[in-house]
Each structure stands twice: as structure tokens, then as C-alpha cells.
Amino acid sequence: MHSLSLQTAAPHTGVNARPMGGLDRTLAQATLRRVEAKEFVFIEGDPTTHVFRVETGAVSLYKVLADGRRQIVGFAYPGDLIGLGAQGAHVMNAQAIKPTRLRCLAMATLHRAAAEDPALGLRLYEAVARDLAATRDLMLTTGQRSATERVVSFLMAFSRRSERNGQDPCDFELPMTRADIGDFLGLTIETVSRTFTKLKTLGLIELPQSNRVQLVDLDQLESLAAGEDDRS
């Protein structure tokens, strides 16, 4: 499953495992797996035998809609858990968007650890609850906001995540493509690209490279994300 602990659509999914000391110790002994870009961690319908923590790289989680379109429901980054909350079989696909290393923890081992450690069980419950709240946030963002609001909200959420991780909140690399962002935000790749160009023209961001973003005016970007000044 995915988790977005932000008030707006975020580039982060997966359950952040860093506060879970007991789980971290268990995962340290888990099998390490490497997947290449575009390789699947699991696909919809696979039995849920393991939970995975992203060590390096990034993973997209998505559903294929009835008309064949892809709807990305989130992204998982280092420190995030994926596969948590699925019962019996996975309900979405998990695909690496760059070379990725994962810790693979058997579901039975996780259940046993949670049974022995009530604090761990509570944290896992809270993580799943955040996951459900994130789904509601994503529905609101893609259903009610303009393209500019969606893209800026995405960038601001990524910025906040970088800051929480002790990294520069105004200068970061996006591991996903413009098409990935579009499939997450419910926009075409052309609209995403035009919106990035518009934000650059307005002097709100810089794009030193296609996958690197520098935020220039945080206050104005926050206003745009809130729908207060959509410069269409």
C-alpha cells in the first residue's frame, strides 16, 4: 500500500519506517534484493508474502484502469515500506523507477514481531491509517485542483520531505519522469511539461537539468499550491 502523510498530493508513498526501532532491527537481518529500473517488485494479484523496505532508489505504485491507462497512487523512497496493509494478494503494482535495493521481510516474521511488541503493532496500525488518509488527500487533489496547483503541491511536498530528511528543501532531484508525475496527478505529460515551463518562466523554479528542480520563491509557490494565486 502507499502512504502520504501530507496535506496535499505528495511524491511520497510507502510507510516511513524510520521511527520503528524494533522493525529496523528485524529488517537489518532481512534479505537484500536489487531490482533494475522498470522491474516489478510485485504485481497486482501476487500473494502478499513479504513487506519491502526501500533502501536506495525509488518505486512507483499504480493501478491499471479499465481503459488501459495507468494511475499512479504514490511513490516509495528510501526508508519507506511497501506491501503493508495488503491482505492475501497485492491490490496494485510496484515497479522500480530507477535501480533500487530493497529489504524483504516475510509477512509471517512481521506478524510475529508485531505480536511480541505491542508498540510495533500500534505503529503499524497508525501507518495503515495514514495510508487511508493519504488516499483521500490524493482524490481531493486530483479532483478539485488546477494543473498548476497539482504540480506545485507535488513539488512542495517533495520539498518538505527533503527538509525532514535533512536535505536541501529548495534543490532536489526527482527520480520519476514527467509521465510518472502526470500519471500520479491525473495530467497528461504535455500538461506537466507545460506547467514546469510556466513555473520557470514566472521565475518560481529553475530547472538546471530535466530531473533537478530548484525552488526560487517558496512563499509564492505555497500560495499557488493553496489555490490563492493561480497564474494561468
Protein backbone atom coordinates (compact mmCIF):
# COMPACT_ATOMS: atom_id res chain seq x y z
CA MET A 1 0.00 0.00 0.00
CA HIS A 2 1.02 3.64 -0.05
CA SER A 3 1.13 6.42 2.49
CA LEU A 4 1.06 10.20 2.05
CA SER A 5 1.48 11.97 5.36
CA LEU A 6 0.98 15.39 3.75
CA GLN A 7 -1.98 17.68 3.35
CA THR A 8 -1.55 17.86 -0.41
CA ALA A 9 -0.73 15.30 -3.04
CA ALA A 10 2.80 14.21 -2.33
CA PRO A 11 5.58 12.45 -4.16
CA HIS A 12 5.91 10.11 -1.26
CA THR A 13 4.21 6.86 -0.59
CA GLY A 14 5.11 3.83 1.35
CA VAL A 15 5.11 3.79 5.11
CA ASN A 16 8.04 5.62 6.62
CA ALA A 17 9.81 3.04 8.75
CA ARG A 18 12.48 5.19 10.38
CA PRO A 19 10.76 5.63 13.77
CA MET A 20 10.24 1.86 14.14
CA GLY A 21 13.33 0.80 16.06
CA GLY A 22 12.20 -2.80 16.57
CA LEU A 23 11.26 -3.20 12.93
CA ASP A 24 14.52 -1.62 11.82
CA ARG A 25 16.42 -4.24 13.80
CA THR A 26 14.36 -7.01 12.24
CA LEU A 27 14.79 -5.60 8.74
CA ALA A 28 18.54 -5.38 9.22
CA GLN A 29 18.58 -9.18 9.11
CA ALA A 30 16.20 -9.42 6.14
CA THR A 31 17.17 -10.46 2.63
CA LEU A 32 18.51 -7.70 0.38
CA ARG A 33 17.11 -7.62 -3.16
CA ARG A 34 18.13 -5.48 -6.13
CA VAL A 35 15.69 -4.55 -8.87
CA GLU A 36 16.51 -2.63 -12.02
CA ALA A 37 14.57 0.31 -13.45
CA LYS A 38 11.17 -0.82 -14.80
CA GLU A 39 11.46 -4.17 -13.00
CA PHE A 40 8.49 -5.13 -10.81
CA VAL A 41 8.73 -5.68 -7.08
CA PHE A 42 5.28 -7.24 -7.23
CA ILE A 43 2.22 -7.05 -9.46
CA GLU A 44 -1.46 -6.86 -8.71
CA GLY A 45 -2.75 -10.27 -7.67
CA ASP A 46 0.58 -11.58 -6.38
CA PRO A 47 0.29 -13.19 -2.94
CA THR A 48 1.42 -10.91 -0.11
CA THR A 49 4.28 -12.99 1.22
CA HIS A 50 6.65 -10.12 2.10
CA VAL A 51 6.85 -6.49 3.12
CA PHE A 52 9.61 -4.49 1.44
CA ARG A 53 11.60 -1.52 2.69
CA VAL A 54 13.27 0.69 0.12
CA GLU A 55 16.96 1.07 0.95
CA THR A 56 18.03 3.00 -2.16
CA GLY A 57 16.24 4.08 -5.33
CA ALA A 58 12.50 4.63 -5.77
CA VAL A 59 9.37 2.64 -6.59
CA SER A 60 6.05 3.67 -8.15
CA LEU A 61 2.80 2.06 -7.03
CA TYR A 62 0.00 2.04 -9.55
CA LYS A 63 -3.23 0.54 -10.82
CA VAL A 64 -4.09 -0.15 -14.45
CA LEU A 65 -7.55 1.27 -15.16
CA ALA A 66 -10.23 -0.47 -17.22
CA ASP A 67 -9.34 1.62 -20.29
CA GLY A 68 -5.66 0.67 -20.03
CA ARG A 69 -4.46 3.93 -18.52
CA ARG A 70 -2.07 3.86 -15.57
CA GLN A 71 -2.98 5.63 -12.32
CA ILE A 72 0.00 6.02 -10.04
CA VAL A 73 -1.18 6.18 -6.44
CA GLY A 74 2.17 7.02 -4.96
CA PHE A 75 5.93 6.66 -4.82
CA ALA A 76 8.15 4.96 -2.25
CA TYR A 77 11.60 6.24 -1.35
CA PRO A 78 14.43 5.11 0.96
CA GLY A 79 13.05 4.33 4.41
CA ASP A 80 9.53 3.54 3.13
CA LEU A 81 7.71 0.23 3.45
CA ILE A 82 5.63 -1.15 0.61
CA GLY A 83 3.24 -4.07 0.69
CA LEU A 84 1.99 -3.25 4.17
CA GLY A 85 -1.77 -3.49 4.65
CA ALA A 86 -2.49 -5.76 1.69
CA GLN A 87 -4.49 -8.83 2.68
CA GLY A 88 -3.94 -12.07 0.80
CA ALA A 89 -2.95 -10.51 -2.51
CA HIS A 90 -1.46 -7.21 -3.64
CA VAL A 91 -4.03 -4.76 -4.99
CA MET A 92 -1.61 -2.73 -7.10
CA ASN A 93 1.67 -2.94 -8.97
CA ALA A 94 5.02 -1.89 -7.55
CA GLN A 95 7.64 -1.03 -10.17
CA ALA A 96 11.12 0.41 -9.72
CA ILE A 97 11.60 3.75 -11.46
CA LYS A 98 15.38 3.59 -11.05
CA PRO A 99 17.82 0.91 -9.84
CA THR A 100 16.58 0.07 -6.37
CA ARG A 101 17.63 -2.03 -3.38
CA LEU A 102 15.01 -3.48 -1.05
CA ARG A 103 14.95 -5.30 2.27
CA CYS A 104 12.49 -8.20 2.03
CA LEU A 105 10.77 -9.17 5.28
CA ALA A 106 8.50 -12.20 5.35
CA MET A 107 4.95 -11.28 6.35
CA ALA A 108 4.94 -14.09 8.92
CA THR A 109 8.03 -12.59 10.56
CA LEU A 110 6.39 -9.15 10.65
CA HIS A 111 3.22 -10.57 12.24
CA ARG A 112 5.27 -12.40 14.83
CA ALA A 113 7.30 -9.29 15.68
CA ALA A 114 4.12 -7.20 16.00
CA ALA A 115 2.54 -9.81 18.29
CA GLU A 116 5.60 -9.74 20.54
CA ASP A 117 5.97 -5.96 20.52
CA PRO A 118 2.70 -4.03 21.17
CA ALA A 119 4.41 -0.72 20.38
CA LEU A 120 5.38 -2.01 16.94
CA GLY A 121 1.85 -3.25 16.34
CA LEU A 122 0.49 0.20 17.19
CA ARG A 123 2.92 1.91 14.82
CA LEU A 124 1.93 -0.42 12.00
CA TYR A 125 -1.74 0.31 12.69
CA GLU A 126 -1.06 4.07 12.61
CA ALA A 127 0.86 3.65 9.35
CA VAL A 128 -2.10 1.94 7.68
CA ALA A 129 -4.43 4.67 9.00
CA ARG A 130 -2.18 7.31 7.42
CA ASP A 131 -2.32 5.32 4.22
CA LEU A 132 -6.10 5.58 4.10
CA ALA A 133 -5.97 9.31 4.84
CA ALA A 134 -3.44 9.74 2.03
CA THR A 135 -5.82 8.12 -0.43
CA ARG A 136 -8.47 10.70 0.44
CA ASP A 137 -5.93 13.51 0.02
CA LEU A 138 -4.97 12.26 -3.42
CA MET A 139 -8.61 12.08 -4.52
CA LEU A 140 -9.17 15.67 -3.38
CA THR A 141 -6.05 16.95 -5.09
CA THR A 142 -6.65 15.37 -8.47
CA GLY A 143 -10.38 16.06 -8.46
CA GLN A 144 -10.60 19.69 -7.38
CA ARG A 145 -7.34 21.45 -8.29
CA SER A 146 -5.95 23.04 -11.42
CA ALA A 147 -2.90 21.63 -13.18
CA THR A 148 -0.69 24.35 -11.67
CA GLU A 149 -1.97 23.66 -8.16
CA ARG A 150 -1.37 19.94 -8.56
CA VAL A 151 2.19 20.27 -9.86
CA VAL A 152 3.16 22.91 -7.29
CA SER A 153 1.63 20.84 -4.48
CA PHE A 154 3.69 17.91 -5.69
CA LEU A 155 6.91 19.95 -5.65
CA MET A 156 6.19 21.49 -2.25
CA ALA A 157 5.50 18.07 -0.74
CA PHE A 158 8.80 16.80 -2.14
CA SER A 159 10.48 19.88 -0.69
CA ARG A 160 9.07 19.19 2.78
CA ARG A 161 10.17 15.59 2.59
CA SER A 162 13.71 16.68 1.70
CA GLU A 163 13.74 19.05 4.65
CA ARG A 164 12.56 16.34 7.06
CA ASN A 165 15.40 14.14 5.83
CA GLY A 166 17.99 16.85 6.46
CA GLN A 167 18.40 17.68 2.78
CA ASP A 168 18.09 20.96 0.89
CA PRO A 169 14.36 21.73 0.57
CA CYS A 170 14.95 24.08 -2.36
CA ASP A 171 17.25 21.98 -4.55
CA PHE A 172 16.47 18.33 -5.24
CA GLU A 173 16.33 15.66 -7.91
CA LEU A 174 13.08 14.00 -8.96
CA PRO A 175 13.65 10.30 -9.67
CA MET A 176 10.46 9.97 -11.69
CA THR A 177 9.71 11.08 -15.26
CA ARG A 178 7.22 13.73 -16.32
CA ALA A 179 4.99 10.88 -17.47
CA ASP A 180 5.13 9.37 -13.97
CA ILE A 181 4.17 12.71 -12.45
CA GLY A 182 1.28 13.02 -14.90
CA ASP A 183 0.02 9.54 -14.08
CA PHE A 184 0.16 10.42 -10.39
CA LEU A 185 -1.56 13.79 -10.67
CA GLY A 186 -4.10 12.85 -13.34
CA LEU A 187 -2.49 15.04 -16.01
CA THR A 188 -1.03 14.41 -19.45
CA ILE A 189 2.72 14.52 -19.89
CA GLU A 190 2.26 17.59 -22.11
CA THR A 191 0.39 19.42 -19.36
CA VAL A 192 3.04 18.54 -16.78
CA SER A 193 5.82 19.75 -19.08
CA ARG A 194 3.97 22.99 -19.88
CA THR A 195 3.38 23.63 -16.19
CA PHE A 196 7.05 23.16 -15.34
CA THR A 197 7.92 25.58 -18.14
CA LYS A 198 5.34 28.10 -16.90
CA LEU A 199 6.71 27.97 -13.36
CA LYS A 200 10.21 28.54 -14.72
CA THR A 201 9.05 31.46 -16.89
CA LEU A 202 7.39 33.04 -13.84
CA GLY A 203 10.72 32.83 -12.00
CA LEU A 204 9.35 30.47 -9.35
CA ILE A 205 11.60 27.50 -10.15
CA GLU A 206 14.79 26.72 -12.03
CA LEU A 207 15.46 23.52 -13.97
CA PRO A 208 19.25 23.05 -14.21
CA GLN A 209 18.57 19.54 -15.51
CA SER A 210 15.36 17.80 -16.53
CA ASN A 211 15.21 15.83 -13.28
CA ARG A 212 16.60 18.54 -10.98
CA VAL A 213 14.42 21.30 -9.56
CA GLN A 214 15.38 24.45 -7.66
CA LEU A 215 12.58 26.27 -5.85
CA VAL A 216 13.14 30.03 -6.07
CA ASP A 217 10.12 31.62 -4.35
CA LEU A 218 8.73 29.36 -1.62
CA ASP A 219 6.10 31.84 -0.44
CA GLN A 220 4.63 32.26 -3.91
CA LEU A 221 4.73 28.53 -4.53
CA GLU A 222 2.87 27.91 -1.27
CA SER A 223 0.22 30.39 -2.39
CA LEU A 224 -0.13 28.64 -5.73
CA ALA A 225 -0.43 25.25 -4.05
CA ALA A 226 -3.23 26.63 -1.89
CA GLY A 227 -5.06 27.99 -4.94
CA GLU A 228 -4.61 31.58 -3.82
CA ASP A 229 -2.82 32.85 -6.93
CA ASP A 230 -3.11 30.51 -9.90
CA ARG A 231 -1.33 32.39 -12.69
CA SER A 232 -2.95 30.55 -15.57
